[in-house]
N, C-alpha and C. Protein backbone atom coordinates (compact mmCIF):
# COMPACT_ATOMS: atom_id res chain seq x y z
N MET A 1 -1.92 30.89 -3.69
CA MET A 1 -2.23 30.51 -2.32
C MET A 1 -1.02 29.84 -1.69
N SER A 2 -0.76 30.18 -0.45
CA SER A 2 0.38 29.56 0.24
C SER A 2 -0.05 28.41 1.14
N GLY A 3 -1.34 28.26 1.41
CA GLY A 3 -1.81 27.17 2.25
C GLY A 3 -3.32 27.18 2.35
N ILE A 4 -3.85 26.12 2.95
CA ILE A 4 -5.30 25.95 3.02
C ILE A 4 -5.99 27.06 3.81
N HIS A 5 -5.32 27.60 4.82
CA HIS A 5 -5.97 28.62 5.66
C HIS A 5 -6.25 29.91 4.90
N ASP A 6 -5.51 30.14 3.81
CA ASP A 6 -5.75 31.34 3.00
C ASP A 6 -7.15 31.34 2.39
N PHE A 7 -7.71 30.16 2.17
CA PHE A 7 -9.05 30.07 1.59
C PHE A 7 -10.14 30.54 2.58
N PHE A 8 -9.78 30.70 3.84
CA PHE A 8 -10.75 31.08 4.86
C PHE A 8 -10.50 32.49 5.38
N SER A 9 -9.62 33.23 4.71
CA SER A 9 -9.28 34.57 5.20
C SER A 9 -10.31 35.63 4.79
N GLY A 10 -11.08 35.36 3.76
CA GLY A 10 -12.09 36.32 3.32
C GLY A 10 -13.46 36.02 3.90
N SER A 11 -14.46 36.68 3.35
CA SER A 11 -15.82 36.51 3.87
C SER A 11 -16.51 35.27 3.32
N SER A 12 -15.96 34.69 2.24
CA SER A 12 -16.53 33.48 1.68
C SER A 12 -15.40 32.52 1.29
N VAL A 13 -15.76 31.25 1.12
CA VAL A 13 -14.79 30.22 0.75
C VAL A 13 -14.97 29.92 -0.74
N ASP A 14 -13.93 30.10 -1.52
CA ASP A 14 -13.97 29.79 -2.96
C ASP A 14 -13.82 28.28 -3.10
N MET A 15 -14.94 27.57 -3.17
CA MET A 15 -14.91 26.11 -3.16
C MET A 15 -14.23 25.55 -4.40
N LYS A 16 -14.44 26.16 -5.55
CA LYS A 16 -13.81 25.65 -6.77
C LYS A 16 -12.29 25.73 -6.67
N ALA A 17 -11.79 26.86 -6.21
CA ALA A 17 -10.34 27.02 -6.06
C ALA A 17 -9.79 26.10 -4.97
N LEU A 18 -10.53 25.94 -3.88
CA LEU A 18 -10.09 25.05 -2.81
C LEU A 18 -10.03 23.61 -3.31
N CYS A 19 -11.03 23.19 -4.06
CA CYS A 19 -11.06 21.84 -4.63
C CYS A 19 -9.84 21.61 -5.53
N GLU A 20 -9.55 22.56 -6.41
CA GLU A 20 -8.40 22.44 -7.31
C GLU A 20 -7.09 22.40 -6.53
N TYR A 21 -7.00 23.22 -5.49
CA TYR A 21 -5.80 23.24 -4.65
C TYR A 21 -5.58 21.87 -4.00
N LEU A 22 -6.63 21.32 -3.39
CA LEU A 22 -6.50 20.04 -2.69
C LEU A 22 -6.21 18.90 -3.67
N ASP A 23 -6.87 18.90 -4.82
CA ASP A 23 -6.63 17.86 -5.81
C ASP A 23 -5.20 17.89 -6.34
N GLY A 24 -4.56 19.06 -6.31
CA GLY A 24 -3.21 19.21 -6.83
C GLY A 24 -2.10 18.87 -5.86
N LEU A 25 -2.44 18.58 -4.61
CA LEU A 25 -1.42 18.30 -3.61
C LEU A 25 -1.05 16.83 -3.58
N PRO A 26 0.21 16.52 -3.23
CA PRO A 26 0.55 15.12 -2.96
C PRO A 26 -0.18 14.65 -1.70
N GLN A 27 -0.38 13.34 -1.58
CA GLN A 27 -1.22 12.80 -0.51
C GLN A 27 -0.83 13.28 0.88
N ARG A 28 0.43 13.17 1.27
CA ARG A 28 0.85 13.53 2.63
C ARG A 28 0.56 15.00 2.92
N LYS A 29 0.85 15.87 1.97
CA LYS A 29 0.60 17.30 2.15
C LYS A 29 -0.89 17.57 2.25
N ARG A 30 -1.69 16.86 1.42
CA ARG A 30 -3.14 17.03 1.46
C ARG A 30 -3.68 16.66 2.84
N ILE A 31 -3.25 15.53 3.36
CA ILE A 31 -3.70 15.09 4.69
C ILE A 31 -3.29 16.11 5.74
N ASP A 32 -2.05 16.58 5.69
CA ASP A 32 -1.57 17.57 6.66
C ASP A 32 -2.36 18.86 6.59
N GLU A 33 -2.63 19.33 5.39
CA GLU A 33 -3.39 20.57 5.22
C GLU A 33 -4.81 20.42 5.76
N VAL A 34 -5.47 19.36 5.35
CA VAL A 34 -6.87 19.16 5.74
C VAL A 34 -7.00 19.00 7.25
N THR A 35 -6.10 18.24 7.85
CA THR A 35 -6.21 17.98 9.29
C THR A 35 -5.65 19.12 10.14
N SER A 36 -5.31 20.24 9.50
CA SER A 36 -4.91 21.43 10.25
C SER A 36 -6.05 22.44 10.39
N LEU A 37 -7.21 22.14 9.77
CA LEU A 37 -8.33 23.08 9.82
C LEU A 37 -8.89 23.23 11.22
N SER A 38 -9.11 24.46 11.62
CA SER A 38 -9.66 24.76 12.95
C SER A 38 -11.17 24.48 12.99
N ALA A 39 -11.73 24.51 14.17
CA ALA A 39 -13.17 24.31 14.34
C ALA A 39 -13.96 25.35 13.53
N LYS A 40 -13.54 26.60 13.59
CA LYS A 40 -14.24 27.66 12.87
C LYS A 40 -14.15 27.44 11.36
N GLU A 41 -12.97 27.03 10.88
CA GLU A 41 -12.81 26.77 9.45
C GLU A 41 -13.67 25.57 9.03
N GLN A 42 -13.76 24.56 9.86
CA GLN A 42 -14.59 23.40 9.53
C GLN A 42 -16.06 23.80 9.45
N SER A 43 -16.52 24.62 10.36
CA SER A 43 -17.90 25.09 10.34
C SER A 43 -18.18 25.88 9.06
N ARG A 44 -17.26 26.75 8.69
CA ARG A 44 -17.43 27.53 7.45
C ARG A 44 -17.40 26.63 6.22
N LEU A 45 -16.52 25.62 6.25
CA LEU A 45 -16.42 24.71 5.12
C LEU A 45 -17.71 23.91 4.95
N TRP A 46 -18.30 23.48 6.06
CA TRP A 46 -19.58 22.75 6.00
C TRP A 46 -20.62 23.58 5.27
N ASP A 47 -20.75 24.83 5.65
CA ASP A 47 -21.74 25.70 5.02
C ASP A 47 -21.41 25.94 3.55
N ALA A 48 -20.15 26.19 3.24
CA ALA A 48 -19.74 26.50 1.87
C ALA A 48 -19.89 25.29 0.95
N ALA A 49 -19.75 24.09 1.49
CA ALA A 49 -19.81 22.87 0.68
C ALA A 49 -21.23 22.46 0.32
N HIS A 50 -22.24 23.09 0.91
CA HIS A 50 -23.62 22.71 0.62
C HIS A 50 -23.90 22.84 -0.87
N GLY A 51 -24.21 21.71 -1.52
CA GLY A 51 -24.55 21.71 -2.93
C GLY A 51 -23.37 21.87 -3.87
N PHE A 52 -22.14 21.95 -3.35
CA PHE A 52 -20.99 22.19 -4.22
C PHE A 52 -20.60 20.95 -5.03
N ARG A 53 -20.43 19.84 -4.35
CA ARG A 53 -19.92 18.62 -5.01
C ARG A 53 -20.65 17.42 -4.43
N LYS A 54 -21.39 16.74 -5.26
CA LYS A 54 -22.07 15.53 -4.81
C LYS A 54 -21.04 14.53 -4.32
N VAL A 55 -21.33 13.86 -3.21
CA VAL A 55 -20.46 12.81 -2.70
C VAL A 55 -21.29 11.53 -2.60
N THR A 56 -20.67 10.41 -2.98
CA THR A 56 -21.34 9.11 -2.93
C THR A 56 -20.42 8.11 -2.25
N LEU A 57 -20.94 6.92 -2.04
CA LEU A 57 -20.13 5.85 -1.45
C LEU A 57 -18.89 5.56 -2.28
N ASP A 58 -18.96 5.77 -3.60
CA ASP A 58 -17.80 5.55 -4.46
C ASP A 58 -16.67 6.53 -4.17
N ASP A 59 -16.99 7.69 -3.63
CA ASP A 59 -15.94 8.64 -3.22
C ASP A 59 -15.28 8.20 -1.92
N ILE A 60 -16.02 7.48 -1.11
CA ILE A 60 -15.51 7.04 0.19
C ILE A 60 -14.65 5.79 0.02
N VAL A 61 -15.16 4.81 -0.71
CA VAL A 61 -14.40 3.60 -1.07
C VAL A 61 -14.49 3.47 -2.59
N PRO A 62 -13.39 3.70 -3.28
CA PRO A 62 -13.42 3.74 -4.75
C PRO A 62 -13.89 2.43 -5.39
N PRO A 63 -14.52 2.53 -6.56
CA PRO A 63 -14.92 1.33 -7.30
C PRO A 63 -13.69 0.45 -7.54
N GLY A 64 -13.92 -0.85 -7.54
CA GLY A 64 -12.83 -1.78 -7.75
C GLY A 64 -12.14 -2.24 -6.48
N THR A 65 -12.44 -1.58 -5.36
CA THR A 65 -11.87 -2.00 -4.08
C THR A 65 -12.54 -3.31 -3.67
N ALA A 66 -11.74 -4.27 -3.26
CA ALA A 66 -12.27 -5.59 -2.88
C ALA A 66 -13.12 -5.48 -1.62
N PRO A 67 -14.14 -6.34 -1.48
CA PRO A 67 -14.93 -6.37 -0.25
C PRO A 67 -14.03 -6.62 0.97
N LEU A 68 -14.36 -5.96 2.06
CA LEU A 68 -13.67 -6.08 3.35
C LEU A 68 -12.21 -5.59 3.31
N LYS A 69 -11.84 -4.84 2.27
CA LYS A 69 -10.52 -4.20 2.24
C LYS A 69 -10.69 -2.77 2.76
N GLN A 70 -9.98 -2.44 3.82
CA GLN A 70 -10.19 -1.13 4.44
C GLN A 70 -9.64 0.01 3.60
N VAL A 71 -10.36 1.12 3.66
CA VAL A 71 -9.92 2.39 3.08
C VAL A 71 -9.93 3.39 4.23
N ILE A 72 -8.78 4.02 4.45
CA ILE A 72 -8.60 4.91 5.60
C ILE A 72 -8.83 6.36 5.20
N HIS A 73 -9.60 7.06 6.04
CA HIS A 73 -9.80 8.50 5.92
C HIS A 73 -9.23 9.13 7.19
N HIS A 74 -8.27 10.03 7.01
CA HIS A 74 -7.68 10.74 8.15
C HIS A 74 -8.58 11.91 8.51
N GLY A 75 -8.83 12.08 9.82
CA GLY A 75 -9.78 13.10 10.21
C GLY A 75 -9.31 13.98 11.34
N ARG A 76 -9.96 15.13 11.39
CA ARG A 76 -9.81 16.05 12.51
C ARG A 76 -11.19 16.61 12.80
N ASN A 77 -11.56 16.61 14.08
CA ASN A 77 -12.87 17.15 14.44
C ASN A 77 -12.71 18.51 15.10
N SER A 78 -13.84 19.13 15.40
CA SER A 78 -13.85 20.49 15.92
C SER A 78 -13.88 20.54 17.44
N MET A 79 -13.75 19.39 18.09
CA MET A 79 -13.77 19.37 19.55
C MET A 79 -12.46 19.93 20.10
N PRO A 80 -12.46 20.40 21.34
CA PRO A 80 -11.23 21.03 21.87
C PRO A 80 -10.12 20.03 22.19
N ILE A 81 -10.45 18.76 22.43
CA ILE A 81 -9.43 17.75 22.72
C ILE A 81 -9.73 16.48 21.92
N PHE A 82 -8.73 15.60 21.83
CA PHE A 82 -8.85 14.33 21.10
C PHE A 82 -9.37 14.59 19.68
N THR A 83 -8.70 15.48 18.99
CA THR A 83 -9.19 15.94 17.70
C THR A 83 -8.83 15.04 16.52
N ARG A 84 -7.78 14.25 16.63
CA ARG A 84 -7.32 13.45 15.50
C ARG A 84 -7.86 12.03 15.59
N PHE A 85 -8.24 11.48 14.43
CA PHE A 85 -8.82 10.14 14.37
C PHE A 85 -8.76 9.66 12.93
N GLN A 86 -9.19 8.44 12.72
CA GLN A 86 -9.39 7.91 11.37
C GLN A 86 -10.77 7.27 11.31
N LYS A 87 -11.42 7.43 10.19
CA LYS A 87 -12.59 6.60 9.89
C LYS A 87 -12.12 5.57 8.89
N ARG A 88 -12.40 4.31 9.17
CA ARG A 88 -11.98 3.22 8.30
C ARG A 88 -13.23 2.57 7.73
N PHE A 89 -13.28 2.50 6.42
CA PHE A 89 -14.45 2.00 5.70
C PHE A 89 -14.08 0.76 4.91
N CYS A 90 -15.08 -0.05 4.59
CA CYS A 90 -14.90 -1.16 3.65
C CYS A 90 -16.23 -1.45 2.97
N LYS A 91 -16.13 -2.11 1.81
CA LYS A 91 -17.33 -2.61 1.14
C LYS A 91 -17.75 -3.90 1.81
N PRO A 92 -19.06 -4.16 1.91
CA PRO A 92 -19.54 -5.43 2.46
C PRO A 92 -19.15 -6.61 1.57
N ASP A 93 -19.11 -7.78 2.18
CA ASP A 93 -18.87 -9.00 1.42
C ASP A 93 -20.18 -9.70 1.07
N ASP A 94 -21.28 -8.99 1.23
CA ASP A 94 -22.62 -9.52 0.96
C ASP A 94 -23.23 -8.71 -0.20
N PRO A 95 -23.42 -9.32 -1.37
CA PRO A 95 -23.98 -8.58 -2.52
C PRO A 95 -25.34 -7.94 -2.23
N ALA A 96 -26.09 -8.50 -1.30
CA ALA A 96 -27.39 -7.93 -0.95
C ALA A 96 -27.24 -6.58 -0.25
N ARG A 97 -26.01 -6.28 0.23
CA ARG A 97 -25.77 -5.02 0.95
C ARG A 97 -24.80 -4.13 0.17
N LYS A 98 -24.85 -4.21 -1.15
CA LYS A 98 -23.90 -3.49 -1.99
C LYS A 98 -24.09 -1.98 -1.95
N ASN A 99 -25.22 -1.52 -1.45
CA ASN A 99 -25.50 -0.08 -1.42
C ASN A 99 -25.17 0.54 -0.07
N GLU A 100 -24.19 -0.05 0.62
CA GLU A 100 -23.74 0.50 1.89
C GLU A 100 -22.26 0.21 2.08
N LEU A 101 -21.66 0.90 3.03
CA LEU A 101 -20.30 0.65 3.47
C LEU A 101 -20.33 0.36 4.96
N TRP A 102 -19.35 -0.39 5.43
CA TRP A 102 -19.20 -0.66 6.86
C TRP A 102 -17.95 0.05 7.36
N GLY A 103 -17.96 0.43 8.63
CA GLY A 103 -16.77 1.11 9.13
C GLY A 103 -16.77 1.29 10.63
N TYR A 104 -15.66 1.87 11.09
CA TYR A 104 -15.51 2.18 12.51
C TYR A 104 -14.55 3.35 12.67
N ASN A 105 -14.51 3.91 13.87
CA ASN A 105 -13.63 5.02 14.20
C ASN A 105 -12.38 4.48 14.89
N HIS A 106 -11.24 4.83 14.34
CA HIS A 106 -9.96 4.40 14.89
C HIS A 106 -9.31 5.61 15.55
N GLN A 107 -9.09 5.53 16.85
CA GLN A 107 -8.44 6.62 17.57
C GLN A 107 -7.82 6.09 18.85
N ASP A 108 -6.99 6.91 19.47
CA ASP A 108 -6.19 6.47 20.62
C ASP A 108 -7.02 5.99 21.80
N LEU A 109 -8.22 6.49 21.98
CA LEU A 109 -9.02 6.14 23.16
C LEU A 109 -10.05 5.05 22.89
N SER A 110 -9.93 4.33 21.76
CA SER A 110 -10.91 3.30 21.42
C SER A 110 -11.08 2.25 22.50
N ILE A 111 -10.03 1.97 23.24
CA ILE A 111 -10.10 0.97 24.31
C ILE A 111 -11.13 1.38 25.37
N VAL A 112 -11.31 2.68 25.54
CA VAL A 112 -12.26 3.21 26.53
C VAL A 112 -13.60 3.53 25.89
N THR A 113 -13.55 4.16 24.73
CA THR A 113 -14.78 4.66 24.11
C THR A 113 -15.51 3.62 23.28
N GLY A 114 -14.80 2.54 22.92
CA GLY A 114 -15.35 1.59 21.97
C GLY A 114 -15.02 2.03 20.57
N PRO A 115 -15.17 1.13 19.60
CA PRO A 115 -14.75 1.43 18.24
C PRO A 115 -15.72 2.30 17.45
N GLY A 116 -16.94 2.45 17.89
CA GLY A 116 -17.89 3.28 17.14
C GLY A 116 -18.15 2.78 15.75
N TYR A 117 -18.68 1.56 15.65
CA TYR A 117 -19.01 0.98 14.34
C TYR A 117 -20.24 1.68 13.74
N TYR A 118 -20.32 1.64 12.40
CA TYR A 118 -21.41 2.30 11.68
C TYR A 118 -21.63 1.65 10.32
N VAL A 119 -22.75 2.01 9.72
CA VAL A 119 -23.08 1.65 8.34
C VAL A 119 -23.32 2.97 7.59
N SER A 120 -22.73 3.10 6.41
CA SER A 120 -22.87 4.33 5.61
C SER A 120 -23.69 4.06 4.36
N LYS A 121 -24.47 5.07 3.98
CA LYS A 121 -25.33 4.97 2.79
C LYS A 121 -25.37 6.31 2.09
N ASN A 122 -25.72 6.27 0.80
CA ASN A 122 -25.96 7.51 0.06
C ASN A 122 -27.25 8.14 0.56
N VAL A 123 -27.28 9.46 0.52
CA VAL A 123 -28.48 10.22 0.88
C VAL A 123 -28.94 10.95 -0.38
N ASP A 124 -30.24 11.10 -0.55
CA ASP A 124 -30.81 11.65 -1.78
C ASP A 124 -30.27 13.01 -2.19
N ASP A 125 -29.84 13.83 -1.25
CA ASP A 125 -29.41 15.18 -1.60
C ASP A 125 -27.92 15.29 -1.94
N GLY A 126 -27.29 14.15 -2.31
CA GLY A 126 -25.89 14.19 -2.72
C GLY A 126 -24.91 14.15 -1.57
N GLU A 127 -25.37 13.68 -0.41
CA GLU A 127 -24.51 13.51 0.74
C GLU A 127 -24.44 12.04 1.10
N VAL A 128 -23.57 11.71 2.03
CA VAL A 128 -23.46 10.35 2.57
C VAL A 128 -23.72 10.44 4.06
N VAL A 129 -24.46 9.47 4.59
CA VAL A 129 -24.70 9.41 6.03
C VAL A 129 -23.87 8.28 6.62
N ILE A 130 -23.26 8.57 7.75
CA ILE A 130 -22.57 7.59 8.57
C ILE A 130 -23.49 7.34 9.75
N ASP A 131 -24.12 6.18 9.78
CA ASP A 131 -25.21 5.91 10.71
C ASP A 131 -24.73 4.96 11.82
N TYR A 132 -24.56 5.52 13.01
CA TYR A 132 -24.12 4.74 14.17
C TYR A 132 -25.26 3.96 14.81
N ARG A 133 -26.47 4.17 14.33
CA ARG A 133 -27.62 3.44 14.87
C ARG A 133 -27.67 2.02 14.32
N GLU A 134 -26.86 1.77 13.29
CA GLU A 134 -26.78 0.45 12.67
C GLU A 134 -25.32 0.02 12.66
N ILE A 135 -25.06 -1.23 13.02
CA ILE A 135 -23.69 -1.72 13.00
C ILE A 135 -23.57 -2.87 12.02
N PRO A 136 -22.40 -3.04 11.42
CA PRO A 136 -22.23 -4.12 10.44
C PRO A 136 -22.26 -5.50 11.09
N PRO A 137 -22.65 -6.52 10.33
CA PRO A 137 -22.69 -7.87 10.88
C PRO A 137 -21.32 -8.53 10.94
N ARG A 138 -20.39 -8.03 10.12
CA ARG A 138 -19.05 -8.60 10.05
C ARG A 138 -18.04 -7.48 9.86
N LYS A 139 -16.75 -7.85 9.88
CA LYS A 139 -15.69 -6.86 9.75
C LYS A 139 -14.46 -7.49 9.11
N PRO A 140 -13.55 -6.68 8.59
CA PRO A 140 -12.29 -7.22 8.10
C PRO A 140 -11.43 -7.77 9.25
N ASN A 141 -10.58 -8.69 8.93
CA ASN A 141 -9.60 -9.16 9.91
C ASN A 141 -8.75 -7.97 10.36
N GLY A 142 -8.45 -7.92 11.63
CA GLY A 142 -7.62 -6.83 12.15
C GLY A 142 -8.41 -5.68 12.73
N TRP A 143 -9.69 -5.56 12.38
CA TRP A 143 -10.50 -4.53 13.00
C TRP A 143 -10.91 -4.99 14.40
N PRO A 144 -11.21 -4.04 15.30
CA PRO A 144 -11.58 -4.44 16.66
C PRO A 144 -12.92 -5.17 16.70
N GLU A 145 -13.16 -5.80 17.82
CA GLU A 145 -14.43 -6.51 18.04
C GLU A 145 -15.61 -5.56 17.80
N ILE A 146 -16.63 -6.06 17.15
CA ILE A 146 -17.83 -5.26 16.93
C ILE A 146 -18.63 -5.22 18.22
N LEU A 147 -18.86 -4.00 18.71
CA LEU A 147 -19.66 -3.77 19.91
C LEU A 147 -20.81 -2.85 19.57
N PRO A 148 -21.94 -3.01 20.24
CA PRO A 148 -23.03 -2.04 20.02
C PRO A 148 -22.61 -0.67 20.53
N ASN A 149 -23.16 0.37 19.95
CA ASN A 149 -22.79 1.72 20.37
C ASN A 149 -23.47 2.15 21.66
N SER A 150 -24.14 1.21 22.31
CA SER A 150 -24.67 1.45 23.65
C SER A 150 -23.70 0.93 24.71
N ALA A 151 -22.60 0.28 24.28
CA ALA A 151 -21.63 -0.30 25.21
C ALA A 151 -20.56 0.71 25.59
N LYS A 152 -19.93 0.48 26.74
CA LYS A 152 -18.83 1.31 27.23
C LYS A 152 -19.22 2.79 27.18
N LEU A 153 -18.22 3.63 26.92
CA LEU A 153 -18.49 5.06 26.80
C LEU A 153 -19.06 5.43 25.43
N SER A 154 -19.18 4.43 24.54
CA SER A 154 -19.79 4.68 23.23
C SER A 154 -21.18 5.29 23.37
N ARG A 155 -21.87 4.92 24.44
CA ARG A 155 -23.22 5.45 24.67
C ARG A 155 -23.23 6.98 24.65
N PHE A 156 -22.15 7.59 25.15
CA PHE A 156 -22.10 9.06 25.24
C PHE A 156 -21.47 9.70 24.01
N ILE A 157 -20.92 8.88 23.12
CA ILE A 157 -20.23 9.43 21.95
C ILE A 157 -20.96 9.10 20.66
N TYR A 158 -21.26 7.81 20.45
CA TYR A 158 -21.79 7.36 19.16
C TYR A 158 -23.26 6.98 19.19
N TYR A 159 -23.80 6.70 20.33
CA TYR A 159 -25.16 6.18 20.43
C TYR A 159 -26.17 7.16 19.85
N ASN A 160 -27.03 6.65 18.94
CA ASN A 160 -28.10 7.43 18.32
C ASN A 160 -27.57 8.59 17.47
N MET A 161 -26.34 8.44 16.96
CA MET A 161 -25.71 9.49 16.16
C MET A 161 -25.78 9.17 14.67
N GLU A 162 -25.79 10.23 13.88
CA GLU A 162 -25.58 10.16 12.45
C GLU A 162 -24.65 11.30 12.08
N ASP A 163 -23.68 11.00 11.23
CA ASP A 163 -22.82 12.03 10.66
C ASP A 163 -23.18 12.16 9.19
N PHE A 164 -23.19 13.38 8.69
CA PHE A 164 -23.47 13.63 7.27
C PHE A 164 -22.23 14.21 6.62
N LEU A 165 -21.91 13.72 5.43
CA LEU A 165 -20.72 14.15 4.69
C LEU A 165 -21.12 14.93 3.44
N ARG A 166 -20.38 16.01 3.18
CA ARG A 166 -20.50 16.78 1.95
C ARG A 166 -19.17 16.75 1.21
N GLY A 167 -19.21 16.80 -0.11
CA GLY A 167 -18.01 16.74 -0.92
C GLY A 167 -17.27 18.05 -0.98
N VAL A 168 -15.94 17.98 -0.87
CA VAL A 168 -15.07 19.15 -1.01
C VAL A 168 -14.17 18.99 -2.23
N SER A 169 -13.51 17.84 -2.34
CA SER A 169 -12.64 17.54 -3.47
C SER A 169 -12.64 16.03 -3.69
N LYS A 170 -11.77 15.55 -4.56
CA LYS A 170 -11.75 14.13 -4.87
C LYS A 170 -11.52 13.26 -3.64
N HIS A 171 -10.69 13.72 -2.72
CA HIS A 171 -10.32 12.92 -1.54
C HIS A 171 -10.88 13.47 -0.23
N VAL A 172 -11.48 14.64 -0.25
CA VAL A 172 -11.81 15.36 0.99
C VAL A 172 -13.32 15.55 1.13
N THR A 173 -13.80 15.28 2.34
CA THR A 173 -15.19 15.55 2.69
C THR A 173 -15.22 16.33 4.00
N ILE A 174 -16.32 17.03 4.20
CA ILE A 174 -16.57 17.73 5.47
C ILE A 174 -17.83 17.13 6.07
N GLY A 175 -17.82 16.89 7.37
CA GLY A 175 -18.95 16.26 8.02
C GLY A 175 -19.50 17.07 9.17
N ARG A 176 -20.74 16.76 9.52
CA ARG A 176 -21.38 17.35 10.70
C ARG A 176 -22.14 16.26 11.42
N ALA A 177 -22.02 16.27 12.73
CA ALA A 177 -22.66 15.27 13.57
C ALA A 177 -24.09 15.70 13.93
N THR A 178 -24.97 14.70 14.02
CA THR A 178 -26.33 14.91 14.51
C THR A 178 -26.63 13.83 15.55
N ARG A 179 -27.50 14.15 16.47
CA ARG A 179 -27.97 13.16 17.44
C ARG A 179 -29.48 13.27 17.52
N SER A 180 -30.14 12.14 17.32
CA SER A 180 -31.60 12.09 17.36
C SER A 180 -32.21 13.12 16.41
N GLY A 181 -31.56 13.31 15.25
CA GLY A 181 -32.09 14.21 14.24
C GLY A 181 -31.76 15.68 14.45
N ARG A 182 -31.02 16.01 15.50
CA ARG A 182 -30.68 17.42 15.77
C ARG A 182 -29.22 17.68 15.40
N ASN A 183 -28.97 18.78 14.67
CA ASN A 183 -27.60 19.17 14.35
C ASN A 183 -26.84 19.52 15.61
N LEU A 184 -25.61 19.05 15.70
CA LEU A 184 -24.72 19.39 16.80
C LEU A 184 -23.66 20.36 16.30
N ASP A 185 -23.12 21.15 17.19
CA ASP A 185 -22.02 22.05 16.83
C ASP A 185 -20.72 21.26 16.88
N ASN A 186 -20.66 20.22 16.05
CA ASN A 186 -19.49 19.36 15.97
C ASN A 186 -19.29 18.98 14.51
N TRP A 187 -18.19 19.47 13.93
CA TRP A 187 -17.84 19.22 12.54
C TRP A 187 -16.57 18.39 12.50
N PHE A 188 -16.31 17.80 11.35
CA PHE A 188 -15.05 17.08 11.17
C PHE A 188 -14.72 17.04 9.69
N VAL A 189 -13.45 16.99 9.39
CA VAL A 189 -12.99 16.92 8.02
C VAL A 189 -12.25 15.60 7.82
N LEU A 190 -12.43 15.00 6.64
CA LEU A 190 -11.82 13.71 6.33
C LEU A 190 -11.02 13.82 5.03
N CYS A 191 -9.90 13.10 4.99
CA CYS A 191 -9.09 13.02 3.78
C CYS A 191 -8.76 11.56 3.52
N ARG A 192 -9.21 11.06 2.37
CA ARG A 192 -9.03 9.64 2.02
C ARG A 192 -7.62 9.37 1.51
N GLU A 193 -7.05 8.28 2.01
CA GLU A 193 -5.79 7.80 1.45
C GLU A 193 -6.05 7.23 0.06
N GLU A 194 -5.06 7.36 -0.82
CA GLU A 194 -5.19 6.79 -2.17
C GLU A 194 -4.85 5.31 -2.13
């Protein structure tokens, strides 16, 4: 294979080979490859990843990471504009909330759209949900002010949203957005920094 797009040239996506390819890349190349996927490729990857690789909160923020230490995931969504962003996650500093992660969306228009805070949890079918209907009570130093997702333009972007993640490789997940329980034609791919 000469690049990630070759995995999408046929009628199906060889998930095992794609996983091995991504796991074998150095971090910068992996991020570049993953964030070059088109909207159509992301949609196909979402379908192909169903049931392929269980993903848990430990894949999002690795075990041993200190509470409130951010872990950055570089992302690209399937929208026609403003496609690049980061999701930044951390473990809570409250042992009673050990089964969740806190996070927000970092992107160039955050000043207008709001930070899009969320709480993430494992889902029974081997996926992770990023739930914008719930916001964390605290944040790491350096993260923007916590605002409800009904504030600013967040109401039109994050309000009443849930994103679901499926596993692709050790560092890569594919997501799909839902609003009020309905699937949207909006996908995104994430690549975790080591």
